[in-house]
């Protein structure tokens, strides 16, 4: 036996806008996590200069481990950079 319930929920325009904003924000976050970033973009995401990011790459093995090199160009997943920053 299947029982279904119906609810009559009244949402205000403000509620609908808030829900829509949350959905858009979450969708953008999910698609942003797997994006590959070059050195300049990675430094910006970490909030440091490109020079500092190069120093970090020399100092922290974690950054070397998560680098994806294609054609000699190092790239990083945004999600991996976020995890690196959380660990520091």
PDB file of N, CA and C in Angstrom:
ATOM      1  N   UNK A   1       0.848  -1.176   0.000  1.00  0.00           N
ATOM      2  CA  UNK A   1       0.000   0.000   0.000  1.00  0.00           C
ATOM      3  C   UNK A   1       0.892   1.237   0.000  1.00  0.00           C
ATOM      4  N   UNK A   2       0.609   2.152  -0.878  1.00  0.00           N
ATOM      5  CA  UNK A   2       1.359   3.399  -0.952  1.00  0.00           C
ATOM      6  C   UNK A   2       0.475   4.528  -0.452  1.00  0.00           C
ATOM      7  N   UNK A   3       1.021   5.273   0.466  1.00  0.00           N
ATOM      8  CA  UNK A   3       0.289   6.410   1.020  1.00  0.00           C
ATOM      9  C   UNK A   3       1.024   7.674   0.614  1.00  0.00           C
ATOM     10  N   UNK A   4       0.333   8.591   0.024  1.00  0.00           N
ATOM     11  CA  UNK A   4       0.946   9.859  -0.337  1.00  0.00           C
ATOM     12  C   UNK A   4       0.254  10.972   0.422  1.00  0.00           C
ATOM     13  N   UNK A   5       1.034  11.956   0.756  1.00  0.00           N
ATOM     14  CA  UNK A   5       0.478  13.100   1.469  1.00  0.00           C
ATOM     15  C   UNK A   5       0.686  14.341   0.627  1.00  0.00           C
ATOM     16  N   UNK A   6      -0.251  15.199   0.657  1.00  0.00           N
ATOM     17  CA  UNK A   6      -0.099  16.467  -0.059  1.00  0.00           C
ATOM     18  C   UNK A   6      -0.096  17.586   0.961  1.00  0.00           C
ATOM     19  N   UNK A   7       0.747  18.549   0.690  1.00  0.00           N
ATOM     20  CA  UNK A   7       0.860  19.690   1.583  1.00  0.00           C
ATOM     21  C   UNK A   7       0.608  20.958   0.784  1.00  0.00           C
ATOM     22  N   UNK A   8      -0.066  21.853   1.394  1.00  0.00           N
ATOM     23  CA  UNK A   8      -0.317  23.143   0.756  1.00  0.00           C
ATOM     24  C   UNK A   8       0.609  24.160   1.418  1.00  0.00           C
ATOM     25  N   UNK A   9       1.768  24.340   0.789  1.00  0.00           N
ATOM     26  CA  UNK A   9       2.770  25.240   1.368  1.00  0.00           C
ATOM     27  C   UNK A   9       2.722  26.559   0.620  1.00  0.00           C
ATOM     28  N   UNK A  10       2.606  27.609   1.372  1.00  0.00           N
ATOM     29  CA  UNK A  10       2.583  28.940   0.786  1.00  0.00           C
ATOM     30  C   UNK A  10       3.929  29.598   1.049  1.00  0.00           C
ATOM     31  N   UNK A  11       4.640  29.924  -0.022  1.00  0.00           N
ATOM     32  CA  UNK A  11       5.937  30.588   0.094  1.00  0.00           C
ATOM     33  C   UNK A  11       5.821  32.010  -0.422  1.00  0.00           C
ATOM     34  N   UNK A  12       6.453  32.913   0.308  1.00  0.00           N
ATOM     35  CA  UNK A  12       6.454  34.305  -0.127  1.00  0.00           C
ATOM     36  C   UNK A  12       7.471  34.476  -1.254  1.00  0.00           C
ATOM     37  N   UNK A  13       7.405  35.601  -1.925  1.00  0.00           N
ATOM     38  CA  UNK A  13       8.376  35.901  -2.982  1.00  0.00           C
ATOM     39  C   UNK A  13       9.792  35.930  -2.415  1.00  0.00           C
ATOM     40  N   UNK A  14       9.949  36.455  -1.206  1.00  0.00           N
ATOM     41  CA  UNK A  14      11.266  36.502  -0.551  1.00  0.00           C
ATOM     42  C   UNK A  14      11.801  35.097  -0.311  1.00  0.00           C
ATOM     43  N   UNK A  15      10.923  34.192   0.151  1.00  0.00           N
ATOM     44  CA  UNK A  15      11.334  32.808   0.375  1.00  0.00           C
ATOM     45  C   UNK A  15      11.793  32.157  -0.928  1.00  0.00           C
ATOM     46  N   UNK A  16      11.036  32.373  -1.993  1.00  0.00           N
ATOM     47  CA  UNK A  16      11.387  31.784  -3.288  1.00  0.00           C
ATOM     48  C   UNK A  16      12.721  32.332  -3.797  1.00  0.00           C
ATOM     49  N   UNK A  17      12.941  33.628  -3.627  1.00  0.00           N
ATOM     50  CA  UNK A  17      14.211  34.226  -4.046  1.00  0.00           C
ATOM     51  C   UNK A  17      15.377  33.648  -3.247  1.00  0.00           C
ATOM     52  N   UNK A  18      15.189  33.485  -1.942  1.00  0.00           N
ATOM     53  CA  UNK A  18      16.235  32.938  -1.088  1.00  0.00           C
ATOM     54  C   UNK A  18      16.566  31.493  -1.507  1.00  0.00           C
ATOM     55  N   UNK A  19      15.555  30.704  -1.767  1.00  0.00           N
ATOM     56  CA  UNK A  19      15.766  29.321  -2.194  1.00  0.00           C
ATOM     57  C   UNK A  19      16.497  29.293  -3.536  1.00  0.00           C
ATOM     58  N   UNK A  20      16.098  30.127  -4.464  1.00  0.00           N
ATOM     59  CA  UNK A  20      16.739  30.173  -5.780  1.00  0.00           C
ATOM     60  C   UNK A  20      18.207  30.575  -5.653  1.00  0.00           C
ATOM     61  N   UNK A  21      18.495  31.558  -4.811  1.00  0.00           N
ATOM     62  CA  UNK A  21      19.883  31.990  -4.611  1.00  0.00           C
ATOM     63  C   UNK A  21      20.729  30.861  -4.040  1.00  0.00           C
ATOM     64  N   UNK A  22      20.186  30.105  -3.099  1.00  0.00           N
ATOM     65  CA  UNK A  22      20.921  28.981  -2.514  1.00  0.00           C
ATOM     66  C   UNK A  22      21.209  27.901  -3.545  1.00  0.00           C
ATOM     67  N   UNK A  23      20.236  27.609  -4.388  1.00  0.00           N
ATOM     68  CA  UNK A  23      20.423  26.591  -5.421  1.00  0.00           C
ATOM     69  C   UNK A  23      21.509  27.031  -6.393  1.00  0.00           C
ATOM     70  N   UNK A  24      21.475  28.275  -6.819  1.00  0.00           N
ATOM     71  CA  UNK A  24      22.477  28.787  -7.754  1.00  0.00           C
ATOM     72  C   UNK A  24      23.854  28.772  -7.106  1.00  0.00           C
ATOM     73  N   UNK A  25      23.948  29.213  -5.850  1.00  0.00           N
ATOM     74  CA  UNK A  25      25.232  29.237  -5.147  1.00  0.00           C
ATOM     75  C   UNK A  25      25.808  27.831  -5.020  1.00  0.00           C
ATOM     76  N   UNK A  26      24.992  26.867  -4.641  1.00  0.00           N
ATOM     77  CA  UNK A  26      25.464  25.493  -4.481  1.00  0.00           C
ATOM     78  C   UNK A  26      25.890  24.898  -5.819  1.00  0.00           C
ATOM     79  N   UNK A  27      25.147  25.179  -6.869  1.00  0.00           N
ATOM     80  CA  UNK A  27      25.503  24.687  -8.198  1.00  0.00           C
ATOM     81  C   UNK A  27      26.847  25.262  -8.635  1.00  0.00           C
ATOM     82  N   UNK A  28      27.047  26.546  -8.409  1.00  0.00           N
ATOM     83  CA  UNK A  28      28.315  27.178  -8.770  1.00  0.00           C
ATOM     84  C   UNK A  28      29.462  26.601  -7.965  1.00  0.00           C
ATOM     85  N   UNK A  29      29.259  26.337  -6.688  1.00  0.00           N
ATOM     86  CA  UNK A  29      30.308  25.764  -5.848  1.00  0.00           C
ATOM     87  C   UNK A  29      30.700  24.382  -6.339  1.00  0.00           C
ATOM     88  N   UNK A  30      29.714  23.565  -6.671  1.00  0.00           N
ATOM     89  CA  UNK A  30      29.991  22.201  -7.122  1.00  0.00           C
ATOM     90  C   UNK A  30      30.759  22.197  -8.439  1.00  0.00           C
ATOM     91  N   UNK A  31      30.377  23.063  -9.367  1.00  0.00           N
ATOM     92  CA  UNK A  31      31.070  23.086 -10.652  1.00  0.00           C
ATOM     93  C   UNK A  31      32.446  23.717 -10.514  1.00  0.00           C
ATOM     94  N   UNK A  32      32.628  24.589  -9.531  1.00  0.00           N
ATOM     95  CA  UNK A  32      33.904  25.271  -9.323  1.00  0.00           C
ATOM     96  C   UNK A  32      34.949  24.349  -8.707  1.00  0.00           C
ATOM     97  N   UNK A  33      34.532  23.340  -7.965  1.00  0.00           N
ATOM     98  CA  UNK A  33      35.472  22.476  -7.248  1.00  0.00           C
ATOM     99  C   UNK A  33      36.372  21.671  -8.172  1.00  0.00           C
ATOM    100  N   UNK A  34      35.862  21.222  -9.296  1.00  0.00           N
ATOM    101  CA  UNK A  34      36.644  20.385 -10.198  1.00  0.00           C
ATOM    102  C   UNK A  34      37.363  21.176 -11.279  1.00  0.00           C
ATOM    103  N   UNK A  35      37.218  22.475 -11.243  1.00  0.00           N
ATOM    104  CA  UNK A  35      37.866  23.323 -12.239  1.00  0.00           C
ATOM    105  C   UNK A  35      39.380  23.287 -12.051  1.00  0.00           C
ATOM    106  N   UNK A  36      40.104  23.217 -13.163  1.00  0.00           N
ATOM    107  CA  UNK A  36      41.563  23.234 -13.099  1.00  0.00           C
ATOM    108  C   UNK A  36      42.055  24.678 -13.177  1.00  0.00           C
ATOM    109  N   UNK A  37      42.950  25.021 -12.269  1.00  0.00           N
ATOM    110  CA  UNK A  37      43.480  26.375 -12.183  1.00  0.00           C
ATOM    111  C   UNK A  37      44.963  26.380 -12.503  1.00  0.00           C
ATOM    112  N   UNK A  38      45.425  27.399 -13.228  1.00  0.00           N
ATOM    113  CA  UNK A  38      46.856  27.535 -13.460  1.00  0.00           C
ATOM    114  C   UNK A  38      47.502  28.179 -12.222  1.00  0.00           C
ATOM    115  N   UNK A  39      48.786  28.430 -12.286  1.00  0.00           N
ATOM    116  CA  UNK A  39      49.503  28.966 -11.118  1.00  0.00           C
ATOM    117  C   UNK A  39      48.926  30.308 -10.675  1.00  0.00           C
ATOM    118  N   UNK A  40      48.691  31.208 -11.619  1.00  0.00           N
ATOM    119  CA  UNK A  40      48.168  32.533 -11.276  1.00  0.00           C
ATOM    120  C   UNK A  40      46.797  32.433 -10.623  1.00  0.00           C
ATOM    121  N   UNK A  41      45.915  31.627 -11.202  1.00  0.00           N
ATOM    122  CA  UNK A  41      44.575  31.449 -10.639  1.00  0.00           C
ATOM    123  C   UNK A  41      44.639  30.768  -9.276  1.00  0.00           C
ATOM    124  N   UNK A  42      45.554  29.814  -9.136  1.00  0.00           N
ATOM    125  CA  UNK A  42      45.711  29.115  -7.857  1.00  0.00           C
ATOM    126  C   UNK A  42      46.178  30.082  -6.768  1.00  0.00           C
ATOM    127  N   UNK A  43      47.126  30.939  -7.113  1.00  0.00           N
ATOM    128  CA  UNK A  43      47.615  31.923  -6.149  1.00  0.00           C
ATOM    129  C   UNK A  43      46.495  32.855  -5.731  1.00  0.00           C
ATOM    130  N   UNK A  44      45.682  33.306  -6.683  1.00  0.00           N
ATOM    131  CA  UNK A  44      44.551  34.178  -6.364  1.00  0.00           C
ATOM    132  C   UNK A  44      43.559  33.470  -5.455  1.00  0.00           C
ATOM    133  N   UNK A  45      43.284  32.205  -5.733  1.00  0.00           N
ATOM    134  CA  UNK A  45      42.334  31.452  -4.898  1.00  0.00           C
ATOM    135  C   UNK A  45      42.853  31.320  -3.466  1.00  0.00           C
ATOM    136  N   UNK A  46      44.182  31.190  -3.331  1.00  0.00           N
ATOM    137  CA  UNK A  46      44.791  31.054  -2.004  1.00  0.00           C
ATOM    138  C   UNK A  46      45.009  32.410  -1.334  1.00  0.00           C
ATOM    139  N   UNK A  47      44.828  33.496  -2.084  1.00  0.00           N
ATOM    140  CA  UNK A  47      44.977  34.825  -1.511  1.00  0.00           C
ATOM    141  C   UNK A  47      46.426  35.253  -1.333  1.00  0.00           C
ATOM    142  N   UNK A  48      47.312  34.733  -2.165  1.00  0.00           N
ATOM    143  CA  UNK A  48      48.729  35.082  -2.080  1.00  0.00           C
ATOM    144  C   UNK A  48      49.222  35.488  -3.469  1.00  0.00           C
ATOM    145  N   UNK A  49      50.420  36.071  -3.505  1.00  0.00           N
ATOM    146  CA  UNK A  49      51.004  36.448  -4.788  1.00  0.00           C
ATOM    147  C   UNK A  49      51.504  35.198  -5.504  1.00  0.00           C
ATOM    148  N   UNK A  50      51.759  35.356  -6.786  1.00  0.00           N
ATOM    149  CA  UNK A  50      52.286  34.243  -7.572  1.00  0.00           C
ATOM    150  C   UNK A  50      53.642  33.805  -7.041  1.00  0.00           C
ATOM    151  N   UNK A  51      54.467  34.765  -6.640  1.00  0.00           N
ATOM    152  CA  UNK A  51      55.788  34.447  -6.087  1.00  0.00           C
ATOM    153  C   UNK A  51      55.655  33.604  -4.821  1.00  0.00           C
ATOM    154  N   UNK A  52      54.750  33.993  -3.943  1.00  0.00           N
ATOM    155  CA  UNK A  52      54.531  33.235  -2.708  1.00  0.00           C
ATOM    156  C   UNK A  52      54.034  31.836  -3.031  1.00  0.00           C
ATOM    157  N   UNK A  53      53.158  31.718  -4.007  1.00  0.00           N
ATOM    158  CA  UNK A  53      52.648  30.392  -4.372  1.00  0.00           C
ATOM    159  C   UNK A  53      53.771  29.504  -4.890  1.00  0.00           C
ATOM    160  N   UNK A  54      54.687  30.060  -5.687  1.00  0.00           N
ATOM    161  CA  UNK A  54      55.849  29.279  -6.150  1.00  0.00           C
ATOM    162  C   UNK A  54      56.698  28.821  -4.962  1.00  0.00           C
ATOM    163  N   UNK A  55      56.874  29.702  -3.978  1.00  0.00           N
ATOM    164  CA  UNK A  55      57.633  29.318  -2.767  1.00  0.00           C
ATOM    165  C   UNK A  55      56.928  28.194  -2.025  1.00  0.00           C
ATOM    166  N   UNK A  56      55.607  28.310  -1.919  1.00  0.00           N
ATOM    167  CA  UNK A  56      54.835  27.254  -1.260  1.00  0.00           C
ATOM    168  C   UNK A  56      55.042  25.928  -1.982  1.00  0.00           C
ATOM    169  N   UNK A  57      55.047  25.943  -3.310  1.00  0.00           N
ATOM    170  CA  UNK A  57      55.233  24.701  -4.071  1.00  0.00           C
ATOM    171  C   UNK A  57      56.565  24.055  -3.757  1.00  0.00           C
ATOM    172  N   UNK A  58      57.600  24.879  -3.539  1.00  0.00           N
ATOM    173  CA  UNK A  58      58.910  24.335  -3.188  1.00  0.00           C
ATOM    174  C   UNK A  58      58.922  23.804  -1.755  1.00  0.00           C
ATOM    175  N   UNK A  59      58.203  24.461  -0.866  1.00  0.00           N
ATOM    176  CA  UNK A  59      58.243  24.139   0.557  1.00  0.00           C
ATOM    177  C   UNK A  59      57.302  22.998   0.944  1.00  0.00           C
ATOM    178  N   UNK A  60      56.119  22.952   0.375  1.00  0.00           N
ATOM    179  CA  UNK A  60      55.101  21.982   0.797  1.00  0.00           C
ATOM    180  C   UNK A  60      54.948  20.863  -0.229  1.00  0.00           C
ATOM    181  N   UNK A  61      55.232  19.662   0.199  1.00  0.00           N
ATOM    182  CA  UNK A  61      55.101  18.487  -0.665  1.00  0.00           C
ATOM    183  C   UNK A  61      53.654  18.295  -1.120  1.00  0.00           C
ATOM    184  N   UNK A  62      52.702  18.697  -0.272  1.00  0.00           N
ATOM    185  CA  UNK A  62      51.293  18.513  -0.620  1.00  0.00           C
ATOM    186  C   UNK A  62      50.937  19.203  -1.934  1.00  0.00           C
ATOM    187  N   UNK A  63      51.508  20.387  -2.159  1.00  0.00           N
ATOM    188  CA  UNK A  63      51.221  21.099  -3.397  1.00  0.00           C
ATOM    189  C   UNK A  63      51.842  20.399  -4.595  1.00  0.00           C
ATOM    190  N   UNK A  64      52.972  19.774  -4.397  1.00  0.00           N
ATOM    191  CA  UNK A  64      53.591  19.036  -5.489  1.00  0.00           C
ATOM    192  C   UNK A  64      52.790  17.774  -5.798  1.00  0.00           C
ATOM    193  N   UNK A  65      52.238  17.161  -4.752  1.00  0.00           N
ATOM    194  CA  UNK A  65      51.480  15.924  -4.937  1.00  0.00           C
ATOM    195  C   UNK A  65      50.159  16.148  -5.666  1.00  0.00           C
ATOM    196  N   UNK A  66      49.551  17.314  -5.472  1.00  0.00           N
ATOM    197  CA  UNK A  66      48.238  17.544  -6.084  1.00  0.00           C
ATOM    198  C   UNK A  66      48.325  18.238  -7.439  1.00  0.00           C
ATOM    199  N   UNK A  67      49.526  18.586  -7.875  1.00  0.00           N
ATOM    200  CA  UNK A  67      49.677  19.239  -9.175  1.00  0.00           C
ATOM    201  C   UNK A  67      49.377  18.259 -10.303  1.00  0.00           C
ATOM    202  N   UNK A  68      48.673  18.738 -11.286  1.00  0.00           N
ATOM    203  CA  UNK A  68      48.387  17.948 -12.471  1.00  0.00           C
ATOM    204  C   UNK A  68      49.159  18.616 -13.603  1.00  0.00           C
ATOM    205  N   UNK A  69      50.132  17.909 -14.128  1.00  0.00           N
ATOM    206  CA  UNK A  69      50.952  18.512 -15.175  1.00  0.00           C
ATOM    207  C   UNK A  69      50.586  17.939 -16.528  1.00  0.00           C
ATOM    208  N   UNK A  70      50.229  18.828 -17.402  1.00  0.00           N
ATOM    209  CA  UNK A  70      49.955  18.438 -18.780  1.00  0.00           C
ATOM    210  C   UNK A  70      50.771  19.344 -19.682  1.00  0.00           C
ATOM    211  N   UNK A  71      51.642  18.752 -20.444  1.00  0.00           N
ATOM    212  CA  UNK A  71      52.486  19.542 -21.324  1.00  0.00           C
ATOM    213  C   UNK A  71      53.439  20.458 -20.579  1.00  0.00           C
ATOM    214  N   UNK A  72      53.828  20.086 -19.370  1.00  0.00           N
ATOM    215  CA  UNK A  72      54.754  20.887 -18.582  1.00  0.00           C
ATOM    216  C   UNK A  72      54.111  22.024 -17.819  1.00  0.00           C
ATOM    217  N   UNK A  73      52.788  22.149 -17.899  1.00  0.00           N
ATOM    218  CA  UNK A  73      52.070  23.219 -17.205  1.00  0.00           C
ATOM    219  C   UNK A  73      51.393  22.632 -15.970  1.00  0.00           C
ATOM    220  N   UNK A  74      51.733  23.189 -14.811  1.00  0.00           N
ATOM    221  CA  UNK A  74      51.128  22.709 -13.570  1.00  0.00           C
ATOM    222  C   UNK A  74      49.749  23.332 -13.389  1.00  0.00           C
ATOM    223  N   UNK A  75      48.800  22.486 -13.040  1.00  0.00           N
ATOM    224  CA  UNK A  75      47.447  22.946 -12.761  1.00  0.00           C
ATOM    225  C   UNK A  75      46.970  22.280 -11.485  1.00  0.00           C
ATOM    226  N   UNK A  76      46.013  22.910 -10.834  1.00  0.00           N
ATOM    227  CA  UNK A  76      45.494  22.413  -9.568  1.00  0.00           C
ATOM    228  C   UNK A  76      43.976  22.437  -9.601  1.00  0.00           C
ATOM    229  N   UNK A  77      43.370  21.436  -8.982  1.00  0.00           N
ATOM    230  CA  UNK A  77      41.918  21.446  -8.801  1.00  0.00           C
ATOM    231  C   UNK A  77      41.605  22.391  -7.643  1.00  0.00           C
ATOM    232  N   UNK A  78      40.565  23.173  -7.819  1.00  0.00           N
ATOM    233  CA  UNK A  78      40.164  24.127  -6.785  1.00  0.00           C
ATOM    234  C   UNK A  78      39.866  23.396  -5.473  1.00  0.00           C
ATOM    235  N   UNK A  79      39.235  22.239  -5.571  1.00  0.00           N
ATOM    236  CA  UNK A  79      38.889  21.451  -4.388  1.00  0.00           C
ATOM    237  C   UNK A  79      40.146  21.026  -3.619  1.00  0.00           C
ATOM    238  N   UNK A  80      41.189  20.615  -4.358  1.00  0.00           N
ATOM    239  CA  UNK A  80      42.442  20.205  -3.716  1.00  0.00           C
ATOM    240  C   UNK A  80      43.122  21.374  -3.031  1.00  0.00           C
ATOM    241  N   UNK A  81      43.063  22.551  -3.651  1.00  0.00           N
ATOM    242  CA  UNK A  81      43.655  23.745  -3.019  1.00  0.00           C
ATOM    243  C   UNK A  81      42.917  24.104  -1.738  1.00  0.00           C
ATOM    244  N   UNK A  82      41.581  23.973  -1.778  1.00  0.00           N
ATOM    245  CA  UNK A  82      40.796  24.265  -0.578  1.00  0.00           C
ATOM    246  C   UNK A  82      41.186  23.326   0.570  1.00  0.00           C
ATOM    247  N   UNK A  83      41.375  22.050   0.265  1.00  0.00           N
ATOM    248  CA  UNK A  83      41.783  21.086   1.288  1.00  0.00           C
ATOM    249  C   UNK A  83      43.166  21.432   1.825  1.00  0.00           C
ATOM    250  N   UNK A  84      44.076  21.838   0.931  1.00  0.00           N
ATOM    251  CA  UNK A  84      45.428  22.231   1.354  1.00  0.00           C
ATOM    252  C   UNK A  84      45.354  23.417   2.310  1.00  0.00           C
ATOM    253  N   UNK A  85      44.547  24.415   1.970  1.00  0.00           N
ATOM    254  CA  UNK A  85      44.436  25.604   2.825  1.00  0.00           C
ATOM    255  C   UNK A  85      43.823  25.266   4.187  1.00  0.00           C
ATOM    256  N   UNK A  86      42.865  24.356   4.204  1.00  0.00           N
ATOM    257  CA  UNK A  86      42.265  23.943   5.469  1.00  0.00           C
ATOM    258  C   UNK A  86      43.258  23.252   6.383  1.00  0.00           C
ATOM    259  N   UNK A  87      44.229  22.540   5.787  1.00  0.00           N
ATOM    260  CA  UNK A  87      45.202  21.806   6.590  1.00  0.00           C
ATOM    261  C   UNK A  87      46.291  22.727   7.159  1.00  0.00           C
ATOM    262  N   UNK A  88      46.388  23.934   6.666  1.00  0.00           N
ATOM    263  CA  UNK A  88      47.422  24.869   7.142  1.00  0.00           C
ATOM    264  C   UNK A  88      46.919  25.767   8.204  1.00  0.00           C
TER     265      UNK A  88
END
